[in-house]
């Protein structure tokens, strides 16, 4: 699973902490986000080793913060989570901005690498 270079620029009024921003960023593709993918984001932010709040608690907090904005994350039993179609529509501008930032960053990195290869 690859993670975005830049997390989507969600509005500050949503008050998402970095972990929640990264979790929500996983939903940029129209697919079911697995428990393992979300756990990997949570694990990077754990301070007390592998023990900590379970995934369902983190998803609960994220859902609570997003609900006032019409964004719903639904469970797909035994598989993971996904956004509703209405939520994808709300988040589309933010995901598009993140895609543009990622493309620009990888394009600049690729151009720099090509220039370095040409100079060598």
PDB file of N, CA and C in Angstrom:
ATOM      1  N   UNK A   1       0.848  -1.186   0.000  1.00  0.00           N
ATOM      2  CA  UNK A   1       0.000   0.000   0.000  1.00  0.00           C
ATOM      3  C   UNK A   1       0.879   1.228   0.000  1.00  0.00           C
ATOM      4  N   UNK A   2       0.696   2.096  -0.966  1.00  0.00           N
ATOM      5  CA  UNK A   2       1.462   3.332  -0.983  1.00  0.00           C
ATOM      6  C   UNK A   2       0.597   4.461  -0.427  1.00  0.00           C
ATOM      7  N   UNK A   3       1.249   5.360   0.263  1.00  0.00           N
ATOM      8  CA  UNK A   3       0.546   6.470   0.874  1.00  0.00           C
ATOM      9  C   UNK A   3       0.808   7.727   0.066  1.00  0.00           C
ATOM     10  N   UNK A   4      -0.130   8.669   0.084  1.00  0.00           N
ATOM     11  CA  UNK A   4       0.053   9.890  -0.683  1.00  0.00           C
ATOM     12  C   UNK A   4       1.295  10.652  -0.221  1.00  0.00           C
ATOM     13  N   UNK A   5       1.940  11.356  -1.170  1.00  0.00           N
ATOM     14  CA  UNK A   5       3.070  12.198  -0.830  1.00  0.00           C
ATOM     15  C   UNK A   5       2.586  13.330   0.065  1.00  0.00           C
ATOM     16  N   UNK A   6       1.520  13.967  -0.334  1.00  0.00           N
ATOM     17  CA  UNK A   6       0.918  15.027   0.456  1.00  0.00           C
ATOM     18  C   UNK A   6      -0.482  14.607   0.839  1.00  0.00           C
ATOM     19  N   UNK A   7      -0.846  14.727   2.122  1.00  0.00           N
ATOM     20  CA  UNK A   7      -2.237  14.429   2.446  1.00  0.00           C
ATOM     21  C   UNK A   7      -3.151  15.480   1.812  1.00  0.00           C
ATOM     22  N   UNK A   8      -4.364  15.099   1.502  1.00  0.00           N
ATOM     23  CA  UNK A   8      -5.293  16.070   0.923  1.00  0.00           C
ATOM     24  C   UNK A   8      -5.468  17.282   1.837  1.00  0.00           C
ATOM     25  N   UNK A   9      -5.610  18.463   1.258  1.00  0.00           N
ATOM     26  CA  UNK A   9      -5.736  19.692   2.047  1.00  0.00           C
ATOM     27  C   UNK A   9      -7.150  19.881   2.585  1.00  0.00           C
ATOM     28  N   UNK A  10      -7.497  19.104   3.590  1.00  0.00           N
ATOM     29  CA  UNK A  10      -8.827  19.218   4.173  1.00  0.00           C
ATOM     30  C   UNK A  10      -8.927  20.524   4.963  1.00  0.00           C
ATOM     31  N   UNK A  11     -10.129  21.102   5.050  1.00  0.00           N
ATOM     32  CA  UNK A  11     -10.289  22.379   5.752  1.00  0.00           C
ATOM     33  C   UNK A  11      -9.903  22.288   7.229  1.00  0.00           C
ATOM     34  N   UNK A  12      -9.250  23.314   7.745  1.00  0.00           N
ATOM     35  CA  UNK A  12      -8.884  23.330   9.164  1.00  0.00           C
ATOM     36  C   UNK A  12     -10.102  23.249  10.090  1.00  0.00           C
ATOM     37  N   UNK A  13     -11.253  23.706   9.605  1.00  0.00           N
ATOM     38  CA  UNK A  13     -12.465  23.677  10.435  1.00  0.00           C
ATOM     39  C   UNK A  13     -12.886  22.251  10.786  1.00  0.00           C
ATOM     40  N   UNK A  14     -12.371  21.254  10.039  1.00  0.00           N
ATOM     41  CA  UNK A  14     -12.705  19.861  10.331  1.00  0.00           C
ATOM     42  C   UNK A  14     -11.933  19.357  11.541  1.00  0.00           C
ATOM     43  N   UNK A  15     -10.868  20.067  11.906  1.00  0.00           N
ATOM     44  CA  UNK A  15     -10.060  19.755  13.095  1.00  0.00           C
ATOM     45  C   UNK A  15      -9.541  18.322  13.097  1.00  0.00           C
ATOM     46  N   UNK A  16      -9.051  17.886  11.940  1.00  0.00           N
ATOM     47  CA  UNK A  16      -8.484  16.550  11.848  1.00  0.00           C
ATOM     48  C   UNK A  16      -7.038  16.575  12.321  1.00  0.00           C
ATOM     49  N   UNK A  17      -6.678  15.601  13.123  1.00  0.00           N
ATOM     50  CA  UNK A  17      -5.295  15.465  13.527  1.00  0.00           C
ATOM     51  C   UNK A  17      -4.555  14.713  12.415  1.00  0.00           C
ATOM     52  N   UNK A  18      -3.224  14.747  12.393  1.00  0.00           N
ATOM     53  CA  UNK A  18      -2.493  14.121  11.281  1.00  0.00           C
ATOM     54  C   UNK A  18      -2.881  12.668  11.012  1.00  0.00           C
ATOM     55  N   UNK A  19      -3.081  11.897  12.043  1.00  0.00           N
ATOM     56  CA  UNK A  19      -3.473  10.494  11.851  1.00  0.00           C
ATOM     57  C   UNK A  19      -4.800  10.410  11.103  1.00  0.00           C
ATOM     58  N   UNK A  20      -5.771  11.232  11.480  1.00  0.00           N
ATOM     59  CA  UNK A  20      -7.085  11.210  10.837  1.00  0.00           C
ATOM     60  C   UNK A  20      -7.005  11.699   9.390  1.00  0.00           C
ATOM     61  N   UNK A  21      -6.155  12.684   9.148  1.00  0.00           N
ATOM     62  CA  UNK A  21      -5.963  13.168   7.790  1.00  0.00           C
ATOM     63  C   UNK A  21      -5.406  12.062   6.907  1.00  0.00           C
ATOM     64  N   UNK A  22      -4.439  11.324   7.421  1.00  0.00           N
ATOM     65  CA  UNK A  22      -3.858  10.230   6.649  1.00  0.00           C
ATOM     66  C   UNK A  22      -4.857   9.096   6.461  1.00  0.00           C
ATOM     67  N   UNK A  23      -5.642   8.827   7.499  1.00  0.00           N
ATOM     68  CA  UNK A  23      -6.665   7.781   7.365  1.00  0.00           C
ATOM     69  C   UNK A  23      -7.659   8.161   6.280  1.00  0.00           C
ATOM     70  N   UNK A  24      -8.150   9.383   6.301  1.00  0.00           N
ATOM     71  CA  UNK A  24      -9.126   9.831   5.312  1.00  0.00           C
ATOM     72  C   UNK A  24      -8.499   9.860   3.922  1.00  0.00           C
ATOM     73  N   UNK A  25      -7.226  10.174   3.831  1.00  0.00           N
ATOM     74  CA  UNK A  25      -6.533  10.190   2.552  1.00  0.00           C
ATOM     75  C   UNK A  25      -6.518   8.827   1.870  1.00  0.00           C
ATOM     76  N   UNK A  26      -6.588   7.752   2.658  1.00  0.00           N
ATOM     77  CA  UNK A  26      -6.619   6.409   2.075  1.00  0.00           C
ATOM     78  C   UNK A  26      -7.877   6.175   1.236  1.00  0.00           C
ATOM     79  N   UNK A  27      -8.908   6.938   1.499  1.00  0.00           N
ATOM     80  CA  UNK A  27     -10.175   6.763   0.786  1.00  0.00           C
ATOM     81  C   UNK A  27     -10.190   7.507  -0.561  1.00  0.00           C
ATOM     82  N   UNK A  28      -9.055   8.089  -0.972  1.00  0.00           N
ATOM     83  CA  UNK A  28      -8.996   8.856  -2.226  1.00  0.00           C
ATOM     84  C   UNK A  28      -9.339   7.994  -3.432  1.00  0.00           C
ATOM     85  N   UNK A  29      -8.932   6.743  -3.403  1.00  0.00           N
ATOM     86  CA  UNK A  29      -9.312   5.862  -4.500  1.00  0.00           C
ATOM     87  C   UNK A  29     -10.681   5.270  -4.181  1.00  0.00           C
ATOM     88  N   UNK A  30     -11.434   4.994  -5.203  1.00  0.00           N
ATOM     89  CA  UNK A  30     -12.784   4.466  -5.009  1.00  0.00           C
ATOM     90  C   UNK A  30     -12.701   2.958  -4.762  1.00  0.00           C
ATOM     91  N   UNK A  31     -12.316   2.611  -3.565  1.00  0.00           N
ATOM     92  CA  UNK A  31     -12.163   1.205  -3.206  1.00  0.00           C
ATOM     93  C   UNK A  31     -12.465   1.031  -1.735  1.00  0.00           C
ATOM     94  N   UNK A  32     -12.522  -0.205  -1.333  1.00  0.00           N
ATOM     95  CA  UNK A  32     -12.678  -0.509   0.091  1.00  0.00           C
ATOM     96  C   UNK A  32     -11.294  -0.416   0.726  1.00  0.00           C
ATOM     97  N   UNK A  33     -11.199   0.324   1.806  1.00  0.00           N
ATOM     98  CA  UNK A  33      -9.936   0.461   2.525  1.00  0.00           C
ATOM     99  C   UNK A  33      -9.907  -0.627   3.593  1.00  0.00           C
ATOM    100  N   UNK A  34      -8.886  -1.444   3.530  1.00  0.00           N
ATOM    101  CA  UNK A  34      -8.810  -2.594   4.440  1.00  0.00           C
ATOM    102  C   UNK A  34      -8.469  -2.169   5.864  1.00  0.00           C
ATOM    103  N   UNK A  35      -8.809  -3.055   6.786  1.00  0.00           N
ATOM    104  CA  UNK A  35      -8.446  -2.828   8.183  1.00  0.00           C
ATOM    105  C   UNK A  35      -6.931  -2.684   8.303  1.00  0.00           C
ATOM    106  N   UNK A  36      -6.191  -3.517   7.579  1.00  0.00           N
ATOM    107  CA  UNK A  36      -4.725  -3.506   7.661  1.00  0.00           C
ATOM    108  C   UNK A  36      -4.149  -2.170   7.194  1.00  0.00           C
ATOM    109  N   UNK A  37      -4.713  -1.593   6.132  1.00  0.00           N
ATOM    110  CA  UNK A  37      -4.224  -0.294   5.649  1.00  0.00           C
ATOM    111  C   UNK A  37      -4.439   0.795   6.701  1.00  0.00           C
ATOM    112  N   UNK A  38      -5.606   0.790   7.317  1.00  0.00           N
ATOM    113  CA  UNK A  38      -5.887   1.777   8.358  1.00  0.00           C
ATOM    114  C   UNK A  38      -5.013   1.534   9.591  1.00  0.00           C
ATOM    115  N   UNK A  39      -4.823   0.277   9.943  1.00  0.00           N
ATOM    116  CA  UNK A  39      -3.959  -0.045  11.090  1.00  0.00           C
ATOM    117  C   UNK A  39      -2.530   0.436  10.859  1.00  0.00           C
ATOM    118  N   UNK A  40      -2.061   0.355   9.616  1.00  0.00           N
ATOM    119  CA  UNK A  40      -0.689   0.796   9.344  1.00  0.00           C
ATOM    120  C   UNK A  40      -0.535   2.299   9.552  1.00  0.00           C
ATOM    121  N   UNK A  41      -1.570   3.063   9.250  1.00  0.00           N
ATOM    122  CA  UNK A  41      -1.532   4.502   9.508  1.00  0.00           C
ATOM    123  C   UNK A  41      -1.534   4.746  11.015  1.00  0.00           C
ATOM    124  N   UNK A  42      -2.404   4.071  11.718  1.00  0.00           N
ATOM    125  CA  UNK A  42      -2.512   4.247  13.166  1.00  0.00           C
ATOM    126  C   UNK A  42      -1.199   3.860  13.850  1.00  0.00           C
ATOM    127  N   UNK A  43      -0.586   2.778  13.404  1.00  0.00           N
ATOM    128  CA  UNK A  43       0.648   2.287  14.030  1.00  0.00           C
ATOM    129  C   UNK A  43       1.760   3.324  13.962  1.00  0.00           C
ATOM    130  N   UNK A  44       1.825   4.081  12.888  1.00  0.00           N
ATOM    131  CA  UNK A  44       2.875   5.103  12.756  1.00  0.00           C
ATOM    132  C   UNK A  44       2.709   6.235  13.754  1.00  0.00           C
ATOM    133  N   UNK A  45       1.521   6.380  14.315  1.00  0.00           N
ATOM    134  CA  UNK A  45       1.259   7.474  15.254  1.00  0.00           C
ATOM    135  C   UNK A  45       1.167   7.012  16.706  1.00  0.00           C
ATOM    136  N   UNK A  46       1.359   5.740  16.952  1.00  0.00           N
ATOM    137  CA  UNK A  46       1.273   5.230  18.316  1.00  0.00           C
ATOM    138  C   UNK A  46       2.517   5.607  19.093  1.00  0.00           C
ATOM    139  N   UNK A  47       2.302   6.047  20.331  1.00  0.00           N
ATOM    140  CA  UNK A  47       3.424   6.436  21.193  1.00  0.00           C
ATOM    141  C   UNK A  47       3.780   5.348  22.186  1.00  0.00           C
ATOM    142  N   UNK A  48       2.827   4.473  22.480  1.00  0.00           N
ATOM    143  CA  UNK A  48       3.025   3.472  23.530  1.00  0.00           C
ATOM    144  C   UNK A  48       3.224   2.078  22.957  1.00  0.00           C
ATOM    145  N   UNK A  49       3.950   1.978  21.866  1.00  0.00           N
ATOM    146  CA  UNK A  49       4.196   0.677  21.277  1.00  0.00           C
ATOM    147  C   UNK A  49       2.964   0.135  20.571  1.00  0.00           C
ATOM    148  N   UNK A  50       2.908  -1.173  20.425  1.00  0.00           N
ATOM    149  CA  UNK A  50       1.809  -1.772  19.662  1.00  0.00           C
ATOM    150  C   UNK A  50       0.454  -1.701  20.360  1.00  0.00           C
ATOM    151  N   UNK A  51       0.448  -1.465  21.655  1.00  0.00           N
ATOM    152  CA  UNK A  51      -0.819  -1.359  22.379  1.00  0.00           C
ATOM    153  C   UNK A  51      -1.399   0.030  22.185  1.00  0.00           C
ATOM    154  N   UNK A  52      -2.671   0.111  22.143  1.00  0.00           N
ATOM    155  CA  UNK A  52      -3.340   1.395  21.985  1.00  0.00           C
ATOM    156  C   UNK A  52      -4.807   1.170  21.699  1.00  0.00           C
ATOM    157  N   UNK A  53      -5.465   2.249  21.344  1.00  0.00           N
ATOM    158  CA  UNK A  53      -6.885   2.141  21.036  1.00  0.00           C
ATOM    159  C   UNK A  53      -7.089   1.267  19.815  1.00  0.00           C
ATOM    160  N   UNK A  54      -8.148   0.495  19.821  1.00  0.00           N
ATOM    161  CA  UNK A  54      -8.433  -0.337  18.646  1.00  0.00           C
ATOM    162  C   UNK A  54      -8.871   0.507  17.452  1.00  0.00           C
ATOM    163  N   UNK A  55      -8.759  -0.088  16.290  1.00  0.00           N
ATOM    164  CA  UNK A  55      -9.120   0.570  15.040  1.00  0.00           C
ATOM    165  C   UNK A  55     -10.519   1.162  15.102  1.00  0.00           C
ATOM    166  N   UNK A  56     -11.469   0.410  15.665  1.00  0.00           N
ATOM    167  CA  UNK A  56     -12.854   0.897  15.673  1.00  0.00           C
ATOM    168  C   UNK A  56     -12.999   2.207  16.443  1.00  0.00           C
ATOM    169  N   UNK A  57     -12.153   2.438  17.427  1.00  0.00           N
ATOM    170  CA  UNK A  57     -12.206   3.699  18.183  1.00  0.00           C
ATOM    171  C   UNK A  57     -11.722   4.848  17.296  1.00  0.00           C
ATOM    172  N   UNK A  58     -10.627   4.638  16.581  1.00  0.00           N
ATOM    173  CA  UNK A  58     -10.104   5.684  15.690  1.00  0.00           C
ATOM    174  C   UNK A  58     -11.106   6.005  14.580  1.00  0.00           C
ATOM    175  N   UNK A  59     -11.735   4.984  14.026  1.00  0.00           N
ATOM    176  CA  UNK A  59     -12.737   5.204  12.984  1.00  0.00           C
ATOM    177  C   UNK A  59     -13.942   5.938  13.566  1.00  0.00           C
ATOM    178  N   UNK A  60     -14.323   5.608  14.783  1.00  0.00           N
ATOM    179  CA  UNK A  60     -15.442   6.290  15.451  1.00  0.00           C
ATOM    180  C   UNK A  60     -15.156   7.788  15.560  1.00  0.00           C
ATOM    181  N   UNK A  61     -13.952   8.149  16.021  1.00  0.00           N
ATOM    182  CA  UNK A  61     -13.599   9.570  16.148  1.00  0.00           C
ATOM    183  C   UNK A  61     -13.607  10.260  14.784  1.00  0.00           C
ATOM    184  N   UNK A  62     -13.078   9.593  13.767  1.00  0.00           N
ATOM    185  CA  UNK A  62     -13.051  10.178  12.430  1.00  0.00           C
ATOM    186  C   UNK A  62     -14.467  10.373  11.898  1.00  0.00           C
ATOM    187  N   UNK A  63     -15.307   9.368  12.074  1.00  0.00           N
ATOM    188  CA  UNK A  63     -16.702   9.489  11.631  1.00  0.00           C
ATOM    189  C   UNK A  63     -17.405  10.657  12.323  1.00  0.00           C
ATOM    190  N   UNK A  64     -17.172  10.805  13.618  1.00  0.00           N
ATOM    191  CA  UNK A  64     -17.824  11.870  14.383  1.00  0.00           C
ATOM    192  C   UNK A  64     -17.405  13.249  13.884  1.00  0.00           C
ATOM    193  N   UNK A  65     -16.140  13.400  13.520  1.00  0.00           N
ATOM    194  CA  UNK A  65     -15.672  14.693  13.025  1.00  0.00           C
ATOM    195  C   UNK A  65     -16.197  15.004  11.628  1.00  0.00           C
ATOM    196  N   UNK A  66     -16.423  13.976  10.823  1.00  0.00           N
ATOM    197  CA  UNK A  66     -16.836  14.189   9.429  1.00  0.00           C
ATOM    198  C   UNK A  66     -18.350  14.249   9.228  1.00  0.00           C
ATOM    199  N   UNK A  67     -19.109  13.673  10.137  1.00  0.00           N
ATOM    200  CA  UNK A  67     -20.567  13.612   9.995  1.00  0.00           C
ATOM    201  C   UNK A  67     -21.215  14.981   9.781  1.00  0.00           C
ATOM    202  N   UNK A  68     -20.812  16.042  10.495  1.00  0.00           N
ATOM    203  CA  UNK A  68     -21.459  17.346  10.265  1.00  0.00           C
ATOM    204  C   UNK A  68     -21.279  17.897   8.855  1.00  0.00           C
ATOM    205  N   UNK A  69     -20.319  17.356   8.111  1.00  0.00           N
ATOM    206  CA  UNK A  69     -20.041  17.836   6.762  1.00  0.00           C
ATOM    207  C   UNK A  69     -20.624  16.908   5.698  1.00  0.00           C
ATOM    208  N   UNK A  70     -21.442  15.962   6.125  1.00  0.00           N
ATOM    209  CA  UNK A  70     -22.102  15.062   5.183  1.00  0.00           C
ATOM    210  C   UNK A  70     -21.212  13.945   4.668  1.00  0.00           C
ATOM    211  N   UNK A  71     -20.156  13.643   5.406  1.00  0.00           N
ATOM    212  CA  UNK A  71     -19.228  12.595   4.984  1.00  0.00           C
ATOM    213  C   UNK A  71     -19.445  11.379   5.876  1.00  0.00           C
ATOM    214  N   UNK A  72     -19.719  10.247   5.227  1.00  0.00           N
ATOM    215  CA  UNK A  72     -19.977   9.009   5.965  1.00  0.00           C
ATOM    216  C   UNK A  72     -19.015   7.919   5.519  1.00  0.00           C
ATOM    217  N   UNK A  73     -18.431   7.279   6.514  1.00  0.00           N
ATOM    218  CA  UNK A  73     -17.592   6.106   6.276  1.00  0.00           C
ATOM    219  C   UNK A  73     -18.416   4.918   6.746  1.00  0.00           C
ATOM    220  N   UNK A  74     -18.638   3.972   5.855  1.00  0.00           N
ATOM    221  CA  UNK A  74     -19.460   2.810   6.200  1.00  0.00           C
ATOM    222  C   UNK A  74     -18.582   1.561   6.282  1.00  0.00           C
ATOM    223  N   UNK A  75     -19.005   0.648   7.123  1.00  0.00           N
ATOM    224  CA  UNK A  75     -18.295  -0.624   7.283  1.00  0.00           C
ATOM    225  C   UNK A  75     -18.677  -1.587   6.179  1.00  0.00           C
ATOM    226  N   UNK A  76     -17.690  -2.320   5.710  1.00  0.00           N
ATOM    227  CA  UNK A  76     -17.914  -3.423   4.786  1.00  0.00           C
ATOM    228  C   UNK A  76     -17.500  -4.653   5.582  1.00  0.00           C
ATOM    229  N   UNK A  77     -18.477  -5.384   6.056  1.00  0.00           N
ATOM    230  CA  UNK A  77     -18.252  -6.452   7.010  1.00  0.00           C
ATOM    231  C   UNK A  77     -17.145  -7.407   6.573  1.00  0.00           C
ATOM    232  N   UNK A  78     -16.196  -7.599   7.480  1.00  0.00           N
ATOM    233  CA  UNK A  78     -15.112  -8.543   7.247  1.00  0.00           C
ATOM    234  C   UNK A  78     -14.037  -8.075   6.283  1.00  0.00           C
ATOM    235  N   UNK A  79     -14.182  -6.872   5.732  1.00  0.00           N
ATOM    236  CA  UNK A  79     -13.237  -6.397   4.725  1.00  0.00           C
ATOM    237  C   UNK A  79     -12.568  -5.095   5.114  1.00  0.00           C
ATOM    238  N   UNK A  80     -13.369  -4.086   5.452  1.00  0.00           N
ATOM    239  CA  UNK A  80     -12.818  -2.783   5.777  1.00  0.00           C
ATOM    240  C   UNK A  80     -13.888  -1.718   5.782  1.00  0.00           C
ATOM    241  N   UNK A  81     -13.562  -0.591   5.181  1.00  0.00           N
ATOM    242  CA  UNK A  81     -14.454   0.564   5.173  1.00  0.00           C
ATOM    243  C   UNK A  81     -14.428   1.208   3.797  1.00  0.00           C
ATOM    244  N   UNK A  82     -15.495   1.963   3.502  1.00  0.00           N
ATOM    245  CA  UNK A  82     -15.554   2.722   2.261  1.00  0.00           C
ATOM    246  C   UNK A  82     -16.373   3.982   2.494  1.00  0.00           C
ATOM    247  N   UNK A  83     -16.234   4.917   1.574  1.00  0.00           N
ATOM    248  CA  UNK A  83     -17.042   6.133   1.614  1.00  0.00           C
ATOM    249  C   UNK A  83     -18.343   5.890   0.871  1.00  0.00           C
ATOM    250  N   UNK A  84     -19.406   6.562   1.299  1.00  0.00           N
ATOM    251  CA  UNK A  84     -20.648   6.525   0.525  1.00  0.00           C
ATOM    252  C   UNK A  84     -20.447   7.370  -0.730  1.00  0.00           C
ATOM    253  N   UNK A  85     -21.310   7.182  -1.720  1.00  0.00           N
ATOM    254  CA  UNK A  85     -21.216   7.953  -2.967  1.00  0.00           C
ATOM    255  C   UNK A  85     -21.344   9.452  -2.695  1.00  0.00           C
ATOM    256  N   UNK A  86     -22.241   9.817  -1.782  1.00  0.00           N
ATOM    257  CA  UNK A  86     -22.422  11.236  -1.447  1.00  0.00           C
ATOM    258  C   UNK A  86     -21.155  11.809  -0.820  1.00  0.00           C
ATOM    259  N   UNK A  87     -20.502  11.010  -0.001  1.00  0.00           N
ATOM    260  CA  UNK A  87     -19.269  11.448   0.652  1.00  0.00           C
ATOM    261  C   UNK A  87     -18.153  11.633  -0.366  1.00  0.00           C
ATOM    262  N   UNK A  88     -18.097  10.735  -1.346  1.00  0.00           N
ATOM    263  CA  UNK A  88     -17.075  10.859  -2.392  1.00  0.00           C
ATOM    264  C   UNK A  88     -17.258  12.175  -3.143  1.00  0.00           C
ATOM    265  N   UNK A  89     -18.518  12.560  -3.369  1.00  0.00           N
ATOM    266  CA  UNK A  89     -18.795  13.818  -4.071  1.00  0.00           C
ATOM    267  C   UNK A  89     -18.322  15.013  -3.247  1.00  0.00           C
ATOM    268  N   UNK A  90     -18.539  14.964  -1.942  1.00  0.00           N
ATOM    269  CA  UNK A  90     -18.107  16.054  -1.057  1.00  0.00           C
ATOM    270  C   UNK A  90     -16.583  16.153  -1.038  1.00  0.00           C
ATOM    271  N   UNK A  91     -15.919  15.003  -1.007  1.00  0.00           N
ATOM    272  CA  UNK A  91     -14.463  14.967  -0.887  1.00  0.00           C
ATOM    273  C   UNK A  91     -13.720  15.089  -2.214  1.00  0.00           C
ATOM    274  N   UNK A  92     -14.416  14.984  -3.333  1.00  0.00           N
ATOM    275  CA  UNK A  92     -13.772  14.995  -4.653  1.00  0.00           C
ATOM    276  C   UNK A  92     -12.824  16.185  -4.857  1.00  0.00           C
ATOM    277  N   UNK A  93     -13.206  17.420  -4.503  1.00  0.00           N
ATOM    278  CA  UNK A  93     -12.279  18.539  -4.725  1.00  0.00           C
ATOM    279  C   UNK A  93     -10.982  18.410  -3.918  1.00  0.00           C
ATOM    280  N   UNK A  94     -11.086  17.874  -2.720  1.00  0.00           N
ATOM    281  CA  UNK A  94      -9.896  17.726  -1.868  1.00  0.00           C
ATOM    282  C   UNK A  94      -8.979  16.629  -2.408  1.00  0.00           C
ATOM    283  N   UNK A  95      -9.584  15.530  -2.855  1.00  0.00           N
ATOM    284  CA  UNK A  95      -8.780  14.457  -3.424  1.00  0.00           C
ATOM    285  C   UNK A  95      -8.132  14.904  -4.739  1.00  0.00           C
ATOM    286  N   UNK A  96      -8.842  15.705  -5.539  1.00  0.00           N
ATOM    287  CA  UNK A  96      -8.281  16.205  -6.793  1.00  0.00           C
ATOM    288  C   UNK A  96      -7.089  17.124  -6.516  1.00  0.00           C
ATOM    289  N   UNK A  97      -7.205  17.966  -5.492  1.00  0.00           N
ATOM    290  CA  UNK A  97      -6.093  18.854  -5.125  1.00  0.00           C
ATOM    291  C   UNK A  97      -4.883  18.042  -4.670  1.00  0.00           C
ATOM    292  N   UNK A  98      -5.124  16.971  -3.919  1.00  0.00           N
ATOM    293  CA  UNK A  98      -4.025  16.122  -3.467  1.00  0.00           C
ATOM    294  C   UNK A  98      -3.372  15.420  -4.644  1.00  0.00           C
ATOM    295  N   UNK A  99      -4.179  14.950  -5.610  1.00  0.00           N
ATOM    296  CA  UNK A  99      -3.629  14.303  -6.809  1.00  0.00           C
ATOM    297  C   UNK A  99      -2.741  15.271  -7.582  1.00  0.00           C
ATOM    298  N   UNK A 100      -3.189  16.513  -7.703  1.00  0.00           N
ATOM    299  CA  UNK A 100      -2.401  17.517  -8.414  1.00  0.00           C
ATOM    300  C   UNK A 100      -1.077  17.772  -7.694  1.00  0.00           C
ATOM    301  N   UNK A 101      -1.124  17.861  -6.366  1.00  0.00           N
ATOM    302  CA  UNK A 101       0.101  18.081  -5.588  1.00  0.00           C
ATOM    303  C   UNK A 101       1.039  16.886  -5.708  1.00  0.00           C
ATOM    304  N   UNK A 102       0.480  15.679  -5.657  1.00  0.00           N
ATOM    305  CA  UNK A 102       1.304  14.479  -5.796  1.00  0.00           C
ATOM    306  C   UNK A 102       1.935  14.403  -7.181  1.00  0.00           C
ATOM    307  N   UNK A 103       1.172  14.736  -8.210  1.00  0.00           N
ATOM    308  CA  UNK A 103       1.687  14.709  -9.578  1.00  0.00           C
ATOM    309  C   UNK A 103       2.808  15.722  -9.756  1.00  0.00           C
ATOM    310  N   UNK A 104       2.610  16.905  -9.199  1.00  0.00           N
ATOM    311  CA  UNK A 104       3.634  17.942  -9.306  1.00  0.00           C
ATOM    312  C   UNK A 104       4.899  17.524  -8.573  1.00  0.00           C
ATOM    313  N   UNK A 105       4.731  16.933  -7.388  1.00  0.00           N
ATOM    314  CA  UNK A 105       5.895  16.520  -6.598  1.00  0.00           C
ATOM    315  C   UNK A 105       6.652  15.389  -7.284  1.00  0.00           C
ATOM    316  N   UNK A 106       5.946  14.401  -7.792  1.00  0.00           N
ATOM    317  CA  UNK A 106       6.622  13.284  -8.454  1.00  0.00           C
ATOM    318  C   UNK A 106       7.178  13.713  -9.800  1.00  0.00           C
ATOM    319  N   UNK A 107       6.524  14.640 -10.457  1.00  0.00           N
ATOM    320  CA  UNK A 107       7.039  15.157 -11.727  1.00  0.00           C
ATOM    321  C   UNK A 107       8.324  15.935 -11.525  1.00  0.00           C
ATOM    322  N   UNK A 108       8.381  16.752 -10.465  1.00  0.00           N
ATOM    323  CA  UNK A 108       9.583  17.509 -10.160  1.00  0.00           C
ATOM    324  C   UNK A 108      10.710  16.573  -9.750  1.00  0.00           C
ATOM    325  N   UNK A 109      10.395  15.556  -8.958  1.00  0.00           N
ATOM    326  CA  UNK A 109      11.409  14.601  -8.522  1.00  0.00           C
ATOM    327  C   UNK A 109      11.942  13.821  -9.718  1.00  0.00           C
ATOM    328  N   UNK A 110      11.039  13.434 -10.611  1.00  0.00           N
ATOM    329  CA  UNK A 110      11.441  12.693 -11.810  1.00  0.00           C
ATOM    330  C   UNK A 110      12.297  13.543 -12.721  1.00  0.00           C
ATOM    331  N   UNK A 111      11.966  14.831 -12.865  1.00  0.00           N
ATOM    332  CA  UNK A 111      12.742  15.736 -13.701  1.00  0.00           C
ATOM    333  C   UNK A 111      14.128  15.953 -13.112  1.00  0.00           C
ATOM    334  N   UNK A 112      14.211  16.068 -11.796  1.00  0.00           N
ATOM    335  CA  UNK A 112      15.506  16.256 -11.137  1.00  0.00           C
ATOM    336  C   UNK A 112      16.379  15.019 -11.322  1.00  0.00           C
ATOM    337  N   UNK A 113      15.788  13.840 -11.197  1.00  0.00           N
ATOM    338  CA  UNK A 113      16.545  12.594 -11.377  1.00  0.00           C
ATOM    339  C   UNK A 113      17.033  12.474 -12.812  1.00  0.00           C
ATOM    340  N   UNK A 114      16.192  12.846 -13.786  1.00  0.00           N
ATOM    341  CA  UNK A 114      16.585  12.792 -15.194  1.00  0.00           C
ATOM    342  C   UNK A 114      17.725  13.762 -15.466  1.00  0.00           C
ATOM    343  N   UNK A 115      17.665  14.940 -14.882  1.00  0.00           N
ATOM    344  CA  UNK A 115      18.712  15.932 -15.066  1.00  0.00           C
ATOM    345  C   UNK A 115      20.031  15.444 -14.454  1.00  0.00           C
ATOM    346  N   UNK A 116      19.955  14.794 -13.294  1.00  0.00           N
ATOM    347  CA  UNK A 116      21.144  14.272 -12.639  1.00  0.00           C
ATOM    348  C   UNK A 116      21.759  13.151 -13.466  1.00  0.00           C
ATOM    349  N   UNK A 117      20.929  12.297 -14.057  1.00  0.00           N
ATOM    350  CA  UNK A 117      21.413  11.213 -14.908  1.00  0.00           C
ATOM    351  C   UNK A 117      22.092  11.780 -16.158  1.00  0.00           C
ATOM    352  N   UNK A 118      21.523  12.826 -16.710  1.00  0.00           N
ATOM    353  CA  UNK A 118      22.083  13.419 -17.923  1.00  0.00           C
ATOM    354  C   UNK A 118      23.437  14.073 -17.628  1.00  0.00           C
ATOM    355  N   UNK A 119      23.571  14.653 -16.443  1.00  0.00           N
ATOM    356  CA  UNK A 119      24.816  15.320 -16.068  1.00  0.00           C
ATOM    357  C   UNK A 119      25.927  14.322 -15.786  1.00  0.00           C
ATOM    358  N   UNK A 120      25.563  13.111 -15.391  1.00  0.00           N
ATOM    359  CA  UNK A 120      26.577  12.106 -15.024  1.00  0.00           C
ATOM    360  C   UNK A 120      27.239  11.468 -16.181  1.00  0.00           C
TER     361      UNK A 120
END
